[in-house]
PDB file of all heavy atoms in Angstrom:
ATOM      1  N   GLY A   1      -8.624 -15.020 -12.468  1.00  0.00           N
ATOM      2  CA  GLY A   1      -9.506 -13.888 -12.216  1.00  0.00           C
ATOM      3  C   GLY A   1      -9.023 -13.044 -11.078  1.00  0.00           C
ATOM      4  O   GLY A   1      -9.042 -11.805 -11.128  1.00  0.00           O
ATOM      5  N   LYS A   2      -8.577 -13.657  -9.993  1.00  0.00           N
ATOM      6  CA  LYS A   2      -8.036 -12.889  -8.832  1.00  0.00           C
ATOM      7  C   LYS A   2      -6.768 -12.140  -9.238  1.00  0.00           C
ATOM      8  O   LYS A   2      -6.551 -10.991  -8.838  1.00  0.00           O
ATOM      9  CB  LYS A   2      -7.775 -13.807  -7.675  1.00  0.00           C
ATOM     10  CG  LYS A   2      -8.999 -14.224  -6.949  1.00  0.00           C
ATOM     11  CD  LYS A   2      -8.662 -14.530  -5.507  1.00  0.00           C
ATOM     12  CE  LYS A   2      -9.891 -14.945  -4.778  1.00  0.00           C
ATOM     13  NZ  LYS A   2     -10.661 -13.839  -4.313  1.00  0.00           N
ATOM     14  N   PHE A   3      -5.901 -12.794 -10.003  1.00  0.00           N
ATOM     15  CA  PHE A   3      -4.677 -12.145 -10.420  1.00  0.00           C
ATOM     16  C   PHE A   3      -4.966 -10.932 -11.286  1.00  0.00           C
ATOM     17  O   PHE A   3      -4.415  -9.853 -11.097  1.00  0.00           O
ATOM     18  CB  PHE A   3      -3.772 -13.148 -11.197  1.00  0.00           C
ATOM     19  CG  PHE A   3      -2.560 -12.506 -11.776  1.00  0.00           C
ATOM     20  CD1 PHE A   3      -1.492 -12.142 -10.950  1.00  0.00           C
ATOM     21  CD2 PHE A   3      -2.483 -12.228 -13.140  1.00  0.00           C
ATOM     22  CE1 PHE A   3      -0.363 -11.546 -11.485  1.00  0.00           C
ATOM     23  CE2 PHE A   3      -1.356 -11.625 -13.659  1.00  0.00           C
ATOM     24  CZ  PHE A   3      -0.310 -11.284 -12.840  1.00  0.00           C
ATOM     25  N   VAL A   4      -5.892 -11.096 -12.254  1.00  0.00           N
ATOM     26  CA  VAL A   4      -6.242  -9.974 -13.138  1.00  0.00           C
ATOM     27  C   VAL A   4      -6.911  -8.874 -12.330  1.00  0.00           C
ATOM     28  O   VAL A   4      -6.705  -7.678 -12.601  1.00  0.00           O
ATOM     29  CB  VAL A   4      -7.149 -10.485 -14.272  1.00  0.00           C
ATOM     30  CG1 VAL A   4      -7.744  -9.335 -15.077  1.00  0.00           C
ATOM     31  CG2 VAL A   4      -6.377 -11.423 -15.191  1.00  0.00           C
ATOM     32  N   MET A   5      -7.709  -9.225 -11.337  1.00  0.00           N
ATOM     33  CA  MET A   5      -8.356  -8.215 -10.494  1.00  0.00           C
ATOM     34  C   MET A   5      -7.340  -7.338  -9.791  1.00  0.00           C
ATOM     35  O   MET A   5      -7.391  -6.113  -9.827  1.00  0.00           O
ATOM     36  CB  MET A   5      -9.284  -8.846  -9.477  1.00  0.00           C
ATOM     37  CG  MET A   5      -9.935  -7.867  -8.534  1.00  0.00           C
ATOM     38  SD  MET A   5     -10.876  -8.606  -7.217  1.00  0.00           S
ATOM     39  CE  MET A   5      -9.620  -9.453  -6.309  1.00  0.00           C
ATOM     40  N   TRP A   6      -6.377  -7.965  -9.115  1.00  0.00           N
ATOM     41  CA  TRP A   6      -5.383  -7.174  -8.367  1.00  0.00           C
ATOM     42  C   TRP A   6      -4.422  -6.455  -9.292  1.00  0.00           C
ATOM     43  O   TRP A   6      -3.949  -5.359  -8.996  1.00  0.00           O
ATOM     44  CB  TRP A   6      -4.635  -8.065  -7.386  1.00  0.00           C
ATOM     45  CG  TRP A   6      -5.509  -8.466  -6.259  1.00  0.00           C
ATOM     46  CD1 TRP A   6      -5.935  -9.708  -5.952  1.00  0.00           C
ATOM     47  CD2 TRP A   6      -6.113  -7.614  -5.302  1.00  0.00           C
ATOM     48  NE1 TRP A   6      -6.772  -9.675  -4.856  1.00  0.00           N
ATOM     49  CE2 TRP A   6      -6.904  -8.406  -4.446  1.00  0.00           C
ATOM     50  CE3 TRP A   6      -6.101  -6.243  -5.086  1.00  0.00           C
ATOM     51  CZ2 TRP A   6      -7.621  -7.885  -3.391  1.00  0.00           C
ATOM     52  CZ3 TRP A   6      -6.816  -5.706  -4.035  1.00  0.00           C
ATOM     53  CH2 TRP A   6      -7.572  -6.537  -3.208  1.00  0.00           C
ATOM     54  N   LEU A   7      -4.143  -7.048 -10.464  1.00  0.00           N
ATOM     55  CA  LEU A   7      -3.296  -6.358 -11.436  1.00  0.00           C
ATOM     56  C   LEU A   7      -3.999  -5.107 -11.975  1.00  0.00           C
ATOM     57  O   LEU A   7      -3.393  -4.035 -12.078  1.00  0.00           O
ATOM     58  CB  LEU A   7      -2.938  -7.299 -12.596  1.00  0.00           C
ATOM     59  CG  LEU A   7      -2.047  -6.734 -13.666  1.00  0.00           C
ATOM     60  CD1 LEU A   7      -0.665  -6.408 -13.089  1.00  0.00           C
ATOM     61  CD2 LEU A   7      -1.928  -7.706 -14.826  1.00  0.00           C
ATOM     62  N   SER A   8      -5.284  -5.226 -12.296  1.00  0.00           N
ATOM     63  CA  SER A   8      -6.015  -4.054 -12.777  1.00  0.00           C
ATOM     64  C   SER A   8      -6.158  -2.997 -11.678  1.00  0.00           C
ATOM     65  O   SER A   8      -6.093  -1.818 -11.948  1.00  0.00           O
ATOM     66  CB  SER A   8      -7.381  -4.463 -13.325  1.00  0.00           C
ATOM     67  OG  SER A   8      -8.184  -4.991 -12.296  1.00  0.00           O
ATOM     68  N   PHE A   9      -6.344  -3.444 -10.411  1.00  0.00           N
ATOM     69  CA  PHE A   9      -6.395  -2.510  -9.278  1.00  0.00           C
ATOM     70  C   PHE A   9      -5.106  -1.718  -9.203  1.00  0.00           C
ATOM     71  O   PHE A   9      -5.127  -0.499  -9.070  1.00  0.00           O
ATOM     72  CB  PHE A   9      -6.647  -3.306  -7.998  1.00  0.00           C
ATOM     73  CG  PHE A   9      -6.773  -2.483  -6.775  1.00  0.00           C
ATOM     74  CD1 PHE A   9      -7.984  -1.917  -6.429  1.00  0.00           C
ATOM     75  CD2 PHE A   9      -5.691  -2.257  -5.931  1.00  0.00           C
ATOM     76  CE1 PHE A   9      -8.135  -1.154  -5.301  1.00  0.00           C
ATOM     77  CE2 PHE A   9      -5.830  -1.514  -4.779  1.00  0.00           C
ATOM     78  CZ  PHE A   9      -7.052  -0.963  -4.468  1.00  0.00           C
ATOM     79  N   ALA A  10      -3.971  -2.422  -9.282  1.00  0.00           N
ATOM     80  CA  ALA A  10      -2.679  -1.733  -9.180  1.00  0.00           C
ATOM     81  C   ALA A  10      -2.430  -0.803 -10.369  1.00  0.00           C
ATOM     82  O   ALA A  10      -2.004   0.338 -10.159  1.00  0.00           O
ATOM     83  CB  ALA A  10      -1.571  -2.772  -9.080  1.00  0.00           C
ATOM     84  N   LEU A  11      -2.733  -1.269 -11.563  1.00  0.00           N
ATOM     85  CA  LEU A  11      -2.474  -0.410 -12.741  1.00  0.00           C
ATOM     86  C   LEU A  11      -3.396   0.788 -12.779  1.00  0.00           C
ATOM     87  O   LEU A  11      -2.951   1.871 -13.180  1.00  0.00           O
ATOM     88  CB  LEU A  11      -2.614  -1.254 -14.007  1.00  0.00           C
ATOM     89  CG  LEU A  11      -1.535  -2.303 -14.229  1.00  0.00           C
ATOM     90  CD1 LEU A  11      -1.838  -3.114 -15.464  1.00  0.00           C
ATOM     91  CD2 LEU A  11      -0.168  -1.664 -14.292  1.00  0.00           C
ATOM     92  N   PHE A  12      -4.641   0.623 -12.398  1.00  0.00           N
ATOM     93  CA  PHE A  12      -5.574   1.745 -12.368  1.00  0.00           C
ATOM     94  C   PHE A  12      -5.118   2.815 -11.410  1.00  0.00           C
ATOM     95  O   PHE A  12      -5.069   4.001 -11.717  1.00  0.00           O
ATOM     96  CB  PHE A  12      -6.972   1.248 -11.974  1.00  0.00           C
ATOM     97  CG  PHE A  12      -7.957   2.332 -11.776  1.00  0.00           C
ATOM     98  CD1 PHE A  12      -8.465   3.029 -12.860  1.00  0.00           C
ATOM     99  CD2 PHE A  12      -8.400   2.674 -10.509  1.00  0.00           C
ATOM    100  CE1 PHE A  12      -9.406   4.051 -12.676  1.00  0.00           C
ATOM    101  CE2 PHE A  12      -9.334   3.683 -10.323  1.00  0.00           C
ATOM    102  CZ  PHE A  12      -9.828   4.376 -11.407  1.00  0.00           C
ATOM    103  N   HIS A  13      -4.677   2.407 -10.198  1.00  0.00           N
ATOM    104  CA  HIS A  13      -4.243   3.393  -9.224  1.00  0.00           C
ATOM    105  C   HIS A  13      -2.885   3.958  -9.541  1.00  0.00           C
ATOM    106  O   HIS A  13      -2.581   5.109  -9.229  1.00  0.00           O
ATOM    107  CB  HIS A  13      -4.308   2.796  -7.831  1.00  0.00           C
ATOM    108  CG  HIS A  13      -5.707   2.604  -7.376  1.00  0.00           C
ATOM    109  ND1 HIS A  13      -6.426   1.465  -7.657  1.00  0.00           N
ATOM    110  CD2 HIS A  13      -6.549   3.440  -6.724  1.00  0.00           C
ATOM    111  CE1 HIS A  13      -7.652   1.607  -7.167  1.00  0.00           C
ATOM    112  NE2 HIS A  13      -7.753   2.790  -6.595  1.00  0.00           N
ATOM    113  N   LEU A  14      -2.044   3.205 -10.221  1.00  0.00           N
ATOM    114  CA  LEU A  14      -0.775   3.746 -10.691  1.00  0.00           C
ATOM    115  C   LEU A  14      -1.037   4.816 -11.751  1.00  0.00           C
ATOM    116  O   LEU A  14      -0.386   5.889 -11.736  1.00  0.00           O
ATOM    117  CB  LEU A  14       0.094   2.644 -11.278  1.00  0.00           C
ATOM    118  CG  LEU A  14       1.445   3.056 -11.818  1.00  0.00           C
ATOM    119  CD1 LEU A  14       2.324   3.608 -10.686  1.00  0.00           C
ATOM    120  CD2 LEU A  14       2.155   1.888 -12.474  1.00  0.00           C
ATOM    121  N   ALA A  15      -1.975   4.570 -12.648  1.00  0.00           N
ATOM    122  CA  ALA A  15      -2.315   5.588 -13.663  1.00  0.00           C
ATOM    123  C   ALA A  15      -2.894   6.818 -13.005  1.00  0.00           C
ATOM    124  O   ALA A  15      -2.608   7.952 -13.438  1.00  0.00           O
ATOM    125  CB  ALA A  15      -3.322   4.972 -14.676  1.00  0.00           C
ATOM    126  N   LEU A  16      -3.737   6.668 -11.974  1.00  0.00           N
ATOM    127  CA  LEU A  16      -4.241   7.821 -11.261  1.00  0.00           C
ATOM    128  C   LEU A  16      -3.132   8.615 -10.598  1.00  0.00           C
ATOM    129  O   LEU A  16      -3.145   9.863 -10.638  1.00  0.00           O
ATOM    130  CB  LEU A  16      -5.263   7.385 -10.182  1.00  0.00           C
ATOM    131  CG  LEU A  16      -6.634   6.963 -10.670  1.00  0.00           C
ATOM    132  CD1 LEU A  16      -7.476   6.548  -9.463  1.00  0.00           C
ATOM    133  CD2 LEU A  16      -7.309   8.055 -11.441  1.00  0.00           C
ATOM    134  N   ALA A  17      -2.173   7.939 -10.011  1.00  0.00           N
ATOM    135  CA  ALA A  17      -1.041   8.616  -9.375  1.00  0.00           C
ATOM    136  C   ALA A  17      -0.195   9.369 -10.396  1.00  0.00           C
ATOM    137  O   ALA A  17       0.219  10.498 -10.150  1.00  0.00           O
ATOM    138  CB  ALA A  17      -0.191   7.625  -8.608  1.00  0.00           C
ATOM    139  N   VAL A  18       0.071   8.736 -11.523  1.00  0.00           N
ATOM    140  CA  VAL A  18       0.858   9.412 -12.569  1.00  0.00           C
ATOM    141  C   VAL A  18       0.124  10.649 -13.092  1.00  0.00           C
ATOM    142  O   VAL A  18       0.718  11.703 -13.283  1.00  0.00           O
ATOM    143  CB  VAL A  18       1.201   8.434 -13.723  1.00  0.00           C
ATOM    144  CG1 VAL A  18       1.740   9.145 -14.918  1.00  0.00           C
ATOM    145  CG2 VAL A  18       2.186   7.391 -13.222  1.00  0.00           C
ATOM    146  N   ALA A  19      -1.204  10.504 -13.312  1.00  0.00           N
ATOM    147  CA  ALA A  19      -1.982  11.658 -13.779  1.00  0.00           C
ATOM    148  C   ALA A  19      -1.987  12.787 -12.743  1.00  0.00           C
ATOM    149  O   ALA A  19      -1.857  13.956 -13.091  1.00  0.00           O
ATOM    150  CB  ALA A  19      -3.417  11.215 -14.102  1.00  0.00           C
ATOM    151  N   ALA A  20      -2.100  12.431 -11.461  1.00  0.00           N
ATOM    152  CA  ALA A  20      -2.090  13.459 -10.418  1.00  0.00           C
ATOM    153  C   ALA A  20      -0.731  14.160 -10.337  1.00  0.00           C
ATOM    154  O   ALA A  20      -0.682  15.384 -10.225  1.00  0.00           O
ATOM    155  CB  ALA A  20      -2.424  12.837  -9.071  1.00  0.00           C
ATOM    156  N   LEU A  21       0.336  13.366 -10.408  1.00  0.00           N
ATOM    157  CA  LEU A  21       1.667  14.004 -10.385  1.00  0.00           C
ATOM    158  C   LEU A  21       1.887  14.867 -11.617  1.00  0.00           C
ATOM    159  O   LEU A  21       2.511  15.932 -11.513  1.00  0.00           O
ATOM    160  CB  LEU A  21       2.727  12.922 -10.286  1.00  0.00           C
ATOM    161  CG  LEU A  21       2.843  12.247  -8.937  1.00  0.00           C
ATOM    162  CD1 LEU A  21       3.825  11.079  -8.985  1.00  0.00           C
ATOM    163  CD2 LEU A  21       3.244  13.233  -7.863  1.00  0.00           C
ATOM    164  N   PHE A  22       1.406  14.433 -12.771  1.00  0.00           N
ATOM    165  CA  PHE A  22       1.562  15.248 -13.959  1.00  0.00           C
ATOM    166  C   PHE A  22       0.803  16.573 -13.837  1.00  0.00           C
ATOM    167  O   PHE A  22       1.326  17.621 -14.202  1.00  0.00           O
ATOM    168  CB  PHE A  22       1.092  14.446 -15.201  1.00  0.00           C
ATOM    169  CG  PHE A  22       1.173  15.221 -16.462  1.00  0.00           C
ATOM    170  CD1 PHE A  22       2.421  15.497 -17.061  1.00  0.00           C
ATOM    171  CD2 PHE A  22       0.053  15.734 -17.084  1.00  0.00           C
ATOM    172  CE1 PHE A  22       2.534  16.214 -18.228  1.00  0.00           C
ATOM    173  CE2 PHE A  22       0.138  16.455 -18.253  1.00  0.00           C
ATOM    174  CZ  PHE A  22       1.378  16.694 -18.833  1.00  0.00           C
ATOM    175  N   LEU A  23      -0.416  16.507 -13.313  1.00  0.00           N
ATOM    176  CA  LEU A  23      -1.190  17.742 -13.158  1.00  0.00           C
ATOM    177  C   LEU A  23      -0.553  18.649 -12.101  1.00  0.00           C
ATOM    178  O   LEU A  23      -0.532  19.891 -12.296  1.00  0.00           O
ATOM    179  CB  LEU A  23      -2.617  17.400 -12.762  1.00  0.00           C
ATOM    180  CG  LEU A  23      -3.486  16.807 -13.866  1.00  0.00           C
ATOM    181  CD1 LEU A  23      -4.836  16.391 -13.334  1.00  0.00           C
ATOM    182  CD2 LEU A  23      -3.641  17.797 -15.032  1.00  0.00           C
ATOM    183  N   LEU A  24      -0.021  18.081 -11.041  1.00  0.00           N
ATOM    184  CA  LEU A  24       0.675  18.910 -10.069  1.00  0.00           C
ATOM    185  C   LEU A  24       1.892  19.581 -10.662  1.00  0.00           C
ATOM    186  O   LEU A  24       2.198  20.732 -10.379  1.00  0.00           O
ATOM    187  CB  LEU A  24       1.076  18.063  -8.850  1.00  0.00           C
ATOM    188  CG  LEU A  24      -0.060  17.590  -7.946  1.00  0.00           C
ATOM    189  CD1 LEU A  24       0.461  16.625  -6.907  1.00  0.00           C
ATOM    190  CD2 LEU A  24      -0.749  18.782  -7.292  1.00  0.00           C
ATOM    191  N   TRP A  25       2.581  18.846 -11.547  1.00  0.00           N
ATOM    192  CA  TRP A  25       3.757  19.429 -12.220  1.00  0.00           C
ATOM    193  C   TRP A  25       3.332  20.492 -13.202  1.00  0.00           C
ATOM    194  O   TRP A  25       3.966  21.550 -13.282  1.00  0.00           O
ATOM    195  CB  TRP A  25       4.515  18.301 -12.931  1.00  0.00           C
ATOM    196  CG  TRP A  25       5.683  18.794 -13.709  1.00  0.00           C
ATOM    197  CD1 TRP A  25       6.876  19.220 -13.233  1.00  0.00           C
ATOM    198  CD2 TRP A  25       5.758  18.925 -15.135  1.00  0.00           C
ATOM    199  NE1 TRP A  25       7.697  19.597 -14.278  1.00  0.00           N
ATOM    200  CE2 TRP A  25       7.034  19.428 -15.458  1.00  0.00           C
ATOM    201  CE3 TRP A  25       4.845  18.650 -16.142  1.00  0.00           C
ATOM    202  CZ2 TRP A  25       7.412  19.646 -16.765  1.00  0.00           C
ATOM    203  CZ3 TRP A  25       5.246  18.878 -17.457  1.00  0.00           C
ATOM    204  CH2 TRP A  25       6.506  19.384 -17.745  1.00  0.00           C
ATOM    205  N   CYS A  26       2.258  20.245 -13.960  1.00  0.00           N
ATOM    206  CA  CYS A  26       1.805  21.249 -14.941  1.00  0.00           C
ATOM    207  C   CYS A  26       1.389  22.564 -14.269  1.00  0.00           C
ATOM    208  O   CYS A  26       1.671  23.622 -14.805  1.00  0.00           O
ATOM    209  CB  CYS A  26       0.612  20.684 -15.729  1.00  0.00           C
ATOM    210  SG  CYS A  26       1.069  19.501 -16.987  1.00  0.00           S
ATOM    211  N   TYR A  27       0.696  22.450 -13.142  1.00  0.00           N
ATOM    212  CA  TYR A  27       0.256  23.655 -12.447  1.00  0.00           C
ATOM    213  C   TYR A  27       1.285  24.174 -11.461  1.00  0.00           C
ATOM    214  O   TYR A  27       0.987  25.103 -10.701  1.00  0.00           O
ATOM    215  CB  TYR A  27      -1.097  23.384 -11.768  1.00  0.00           C
ATOM    216  CG  TYR A  27      -2.226  23.257 -12.751  1.00  0.00           C
ATOM    217  CD1 TYR A  27      -2.779  22.034 -13.042  1.00  0.00           C
ATOM    218  CD2 TYR A  27      -2.719  24.368 -13.437  1.00  0.00           C
ATOM    219  CE1 TYR A  27      -3.796  21.899 -13.968  1.00  0.00           C
ATOM    220  CE2 TYR A  27      -3.723  24.259 -14.343  1.00  0.00           C
ATOM    221  CZ  TYR A  27      -4.283  23.005 -14.613  1.00  0.00           C
ATOM    222  OH  TYR A  27      -5.290  22.899 -15.511  1.00  0.00           O
ATOM    223  N   GLN A  28       2.451  23.577 -11.413  1.00  0.00           N
ATOM    224  CA  GLN A  28       3.568  24.004 -10.571  1.00  0.00           C
ATOM    225  C   GLN A  28       3.150  24.141  -9.092  1.00  0.00           C
ATOM    226  O   GLN A  28       3.448  25.126  -8.442  1.00  0.00           O
ATOM    227  CB  GLN A  28       4.163  25.296 -11.080  1.00  0.00           C
ATOM    228  CG  GLN A  28       4.719  25.182 -12.484  1.00  0.00           C
ATOM    229  CD  GLN A  28       5.262  26.489 -13.018  1.00  0.00           C
ATOM    230  OE1 GLN A  28       5.118  27.506 -12.406  1.00  0.00           O
ATOM    231  NE2 GLN A  28       5.896  26.410 -14.176  1.00  0.00           N
ATOM    232  N   VAL A  29       2.517  23.094  -8.618  1.00  0.00           N
ATOM    233  CA  VAL A  29       2.120  23.050  -7.221  1.00  0.00           C
ATOM    234  C   VAL A  29       3.292  22.537  -6.404  1.00  0.00           C
ATOM    235  O   VAL A  29       3.875  21.484  -6.705  1.00  0.00           O
ATOM    236  CB  VAL A  29       0.883  22.132  -7.035  1.00  0.00           C
ATOM    237  CG1 VAL A  29       0.500  22.032  -5.561  1.00  0.00           C
ATOM    238  CG2 VAL A  29      -0.291  22.649  -7.867  1.00  0.00           C
ATOM    239  N   GLN A  30       3.630  23.250  -5.354  1.00  0.00           N
ATOM    240  CA  GLN A  30       4.759  22.864  -4.511  1.00  0.00           C
ATOM    241  C   GLN A  30       4.330  21.768  -3.530  1.00  0.00           C
ATOM    242  O   GLN A  30       3.171  21.723  -3.111  1.00  0.00           O
ATOM    243  CB  GLN A  30       5.265  24.092  -3.735  1.00  0.00           C
ATOM    244  CG  GLN A  30       5.810  25.186  -4.634  1.00  0.00           C
ATOM    245  CD  GLN A  30       6.998  24.713  -5.463  1.00  0.00           C
ATOM    246  OE1 GLN A  30       7.832  23.989  -4.965  1.00  0.00           O
ATOM    247  NE2 GLN A  30       6.994  25.111  -6.723  1.00  0.00           N
ATOM    248  N   PRO A  31       5.259  20.892  -3.123  1.00  0.00           N
ATOM    249  CA  PRO A  31       4.907  19.857  -2.171  1.00  0.00           C
ATOM    250  C   PRO A  31       4.354  20.383  -0.852  1.00  0.00           C
ATOM    251  O   PRO A  31       3.495  19.767  -0.227  1.00  0.00           O
ATOM    252  CB  PRO A  31       6.234  19.091  -1.959  1.00  0.00           C
ATOM    253  CG  PRO A  31       7.029  19.364  -3.194  1.00  0.00           C
ATOM    254  CD  PRO A  31       6.620  20.724  -3.643  1.00  0.00           C
ATOM    255  N   ARG A  32       4.831  21.509  -0.431  1.00  0.00           N
ATOM    256  CA  ARG A  32       4.327  22.105   0.822  1.00  0.00           C
ATOM    257  C   ARG A  32       2.865  22.476   0.703  1.00  0.00           C
ATOM    258  O   ARG A  32       2.084  22.345   1.663  1.00  0.00           O
ATOM    259  CB  ARG A  32       5.184  23.334   1.188  1.00  0.00           C
ATOM    260  CG  ARG A  32       4.807  23.977   2.479  1.00  0.00           C
ATOM    261  CD  ARG A  32       5.113  23.057   3.620  1.00  0.00           C
ATOM    262  NE  ARG A  32       4.607  23.642   4.875  1.00  0.00           N
ATOM    263  CZ  ARG A  32       4.781  23.106   6.011  1.00  0.00           C
ATOM    264  NH1 ARG A  32       5.483  21.992   6.139  1.00  0.00           N
ATOM    265  NH2 ARG A  32       4.294  23.658   7.105  1.00  0.00           N
ATOM    266  N   GLN A  33       2.428  22.932  -0.479  1.00  0.00           N
ATOM    267  CA  GLN A  33       1.014  23.254  -0.677  1.00  0.00           C
ATOM    268  C   GLN A  33       0.155  21.998  -0.572  1.00  0.00           C
ATOM    269  O   GLN A  33      -0.948  22.042   0.003  1.00  0.00           O
ATOM    270  CB  GLN A  33       0.810  23.919  -2.038  1.00  0.00           C
ATOM    271  CG  GLN A  33       1.412  25.297  -2.145  1.00  0.00           C
ATOM    272  CD  GLN A  33       1.317  25.804  -3.569  1.00  0.00           C
ATOM    273  OE1 GLN A  33       1.813  25.143  -4.504  1.00  0.00           O
ATOM    274  NE2 GLN A  33       0.698  26.950  -3.746  1.00  0.00           N
ATOM    275  N   VAL A  34       0.621  20.897  -1.127  1.00  0.00           N
ATOM    276  CA  VAL A  34      -0.114  19.631  -1.046  1.00  0.00           C
ATOM    277  C   VAL A  34      -0.183  19.189   0.406  1.00  0.00           C
ATOM    278  O   VAL A  34      -1.267  18.748   0.874  1.00  0.00           O
ATOM    279  CB  VAL A  34       0.557  18.552  -1.922  1.00  0.00           C
ATOM    280  CG1 VAL A  34      -0.131  17.204  -1.770  1.00  0.00           C
ATOM    281  CG2 VAL A  34       0.562  18.967  -3.388  1.00  0.00           C
ATOM    282  N   TYR A  35       0.906  19.280   1.128  1.00  0.00           N
ATOM    283  CA  TYR A  35       0.908  18.926   2.540  1.00  0.00           C
ATOM    284  C   TYR A  35      -0.061  19.767   3.335  1.00  0.00           C
ATOM    285  O   TYR A  35      -0.831  19.249   4.150  1.00  0.00           O
ATOM    286  CB  TYR A  35       2.330  19.061   3.110  1.00  0.00           C
ATOM    287  CG  TYR A  35       2.415  18.815   4.565  1.00  0.00           C
ATOM    288  CD1 TYR A  35       2.373  17.545   5.102  1.00  0.00           C
ATOM    289  CD2 TYR A  35       2.523  19.903   5.455  1.00  0.00           C
ATOM    290  CE1 TYR A  35       2.448  17.334   6.459  1.00  0.00           C
ATOM    291  CE2 TYR A  35       2.600  19.720   6.797  1.00  0.00           C
ATOM    292  CZ  TYR A  35       2.546  18.427   7.301  1.00  0.00           C
ATOM    293  OH  TYR A  35       2.609  18.216   8.657  1.00  0.00           O
ATOM    294  N   ASP A  36      -0.053  21.068   3.123  1.00  0.00           N
ATOM    295  CA  ASP A  36      -0.968  21.958   3.823  1.00  0.00           C
ATOM    296  C   ASP A  36      -2.427  21.622   3.508  1.00  0.00           C
ATOM    297  O   ASP A  36      -3.292  21.678   4.377  1.00  0.00           O
ATOM    298  CB  ASP A  36      -0.681  23.419   3.497  1.00  0.00           C
ATOM    299  CG  ASP A  36       0.659  23.859   4.051  1.00  0.00           C
ATOM    300  OD1 ASP A  36       1.164  23.237   5.001  1.00  0.00           O
ATOM    301  OD2 ASP A  36       1.190  24.873   3.542  1.00  0.00           O
ATOM    302  N   TRP A  37      -2.698  21.262   2.250  1.00  0.00           N
ATOM    303  CA  TRP A  37      -4.047  20.897   1.862  1.00  0.00           C
ATOM    304  C   TRP A  37      -4.495  19.633   2.563  1.00  0.00           C
ATOM    305  O   TRP A  37      -5.635  19.533   3.014  1.00  0.00           O
ATOM    306  CB  TRP A  37      -4.099  20.753   0.333  1.00  0.00           C
ATOM    307  CG  TRP A  37      -5.416  20.385  -0.199  1.00  0.00           C
ATOM    308  CD1 TRP A  37      -6.547  21.166  -0.240  1.00  0.00           C
ATOM    309  CD2 TRP A  37      -5.787  19.129  -0.753  1.00  0.00           C
ATOM    310  NE1 TRP A  37      -7.587  20.453  -0.801  1.00  0.00           N
ATOM    311  CE2 TRP A  37      -7.136  19.213  -1.142  1.00  0.00           C
ATOM    312  CE3 TRP A  37      -5.106  17.959  -1.005  1.00  0.00           C
ATOM    313  CZ2 TRP A  37      -7.800  18.152  -1.737  1.00  0.00           C
ATOM    314  CZ3 TRP A  37      -5.745  16.900  -1.601  1.00  0.00           C
ATOM    315  CH2 TRP A  37      -7.109  17.017  -1.941  1.00  0.00           C
ATOM    316  N   LEU A  38      -3.610  18.633   2.635  1.00  0.00           N
ATOM    317  CA  LEU A  38      -3.957  17.390   3.315  1.00  0.00           C
ATOM    318  C   LEU A  38      -4.176  17.598   4.813  1.00  0.00           C
ATOM    319  O   LEU A  38      -5.061  16.993   5.409  1.00  0.00           O
ATOM    320  CB  LEU A  38      -2.883  16.334   3.071  1.00  0.00           C
ATOM    321  CG  LEU A  38      -2.770  15.817   1.640  1.00  0.00           C
ATOM    322  CD1 LEU A  38      -1.555  14.914   1.488  1.00  0.00           C
ATOM    323  CD2 LEU A  38      -4.051  15.078   1.260  1.00  0.00           C
ATOM    324  N   VAL A  39      -3.377  18.455   5.426  1.00  0.00           N
ATOM    325  CA  VAL A  39      -3.554  18.772   6.838  1.00  0.00           C
ATOM    326  C   VAL A  39      -4.885  19.488   7.044  1.00  0.00           C
ATOM    327  O   VAL A  39      -5.593  19.216   8.025  1.00  0.00           O
ATOM    328  CB  VAL A  39      -2.355  19.590   7.372  1.00  0.00           C
ATOM    329  CG1 VAL A  39      -2.659  20.177   8.751  1.00  0.00           C
ATOM    330  CG2 VAL A  39      -1.118  18.740   7.404  1.00  0.00           C
ATOM    331  N   ALA A  40      -5.235  20.391   6.145  1.00  0.00           N
ATOM    332  CA  ALA A  40      -6.494  21.109   6.242  1.00  0.00           C
ATOM    333  C   ALA A  40      -7.670  20.160   6.146  1.00  0.00           C
ATOM    334  O   ALA A  40      -8.667  20.318   6.851  1.00  0.00           O
ATOM    335  CB  ALA A  40      -6.588  22.176   5.184  1.00  0.00           C
TER     336      ALA A  40
END
């Protein structure tokens, strides 16, 4: 159960990261814009 919990945690967040990177690529957002947004 602990192994499945941490595996699902990792896979869920990996899927979120891939989806976020795909959306950033689709909307042609530059890395500097993301950095400025995080600083803001």
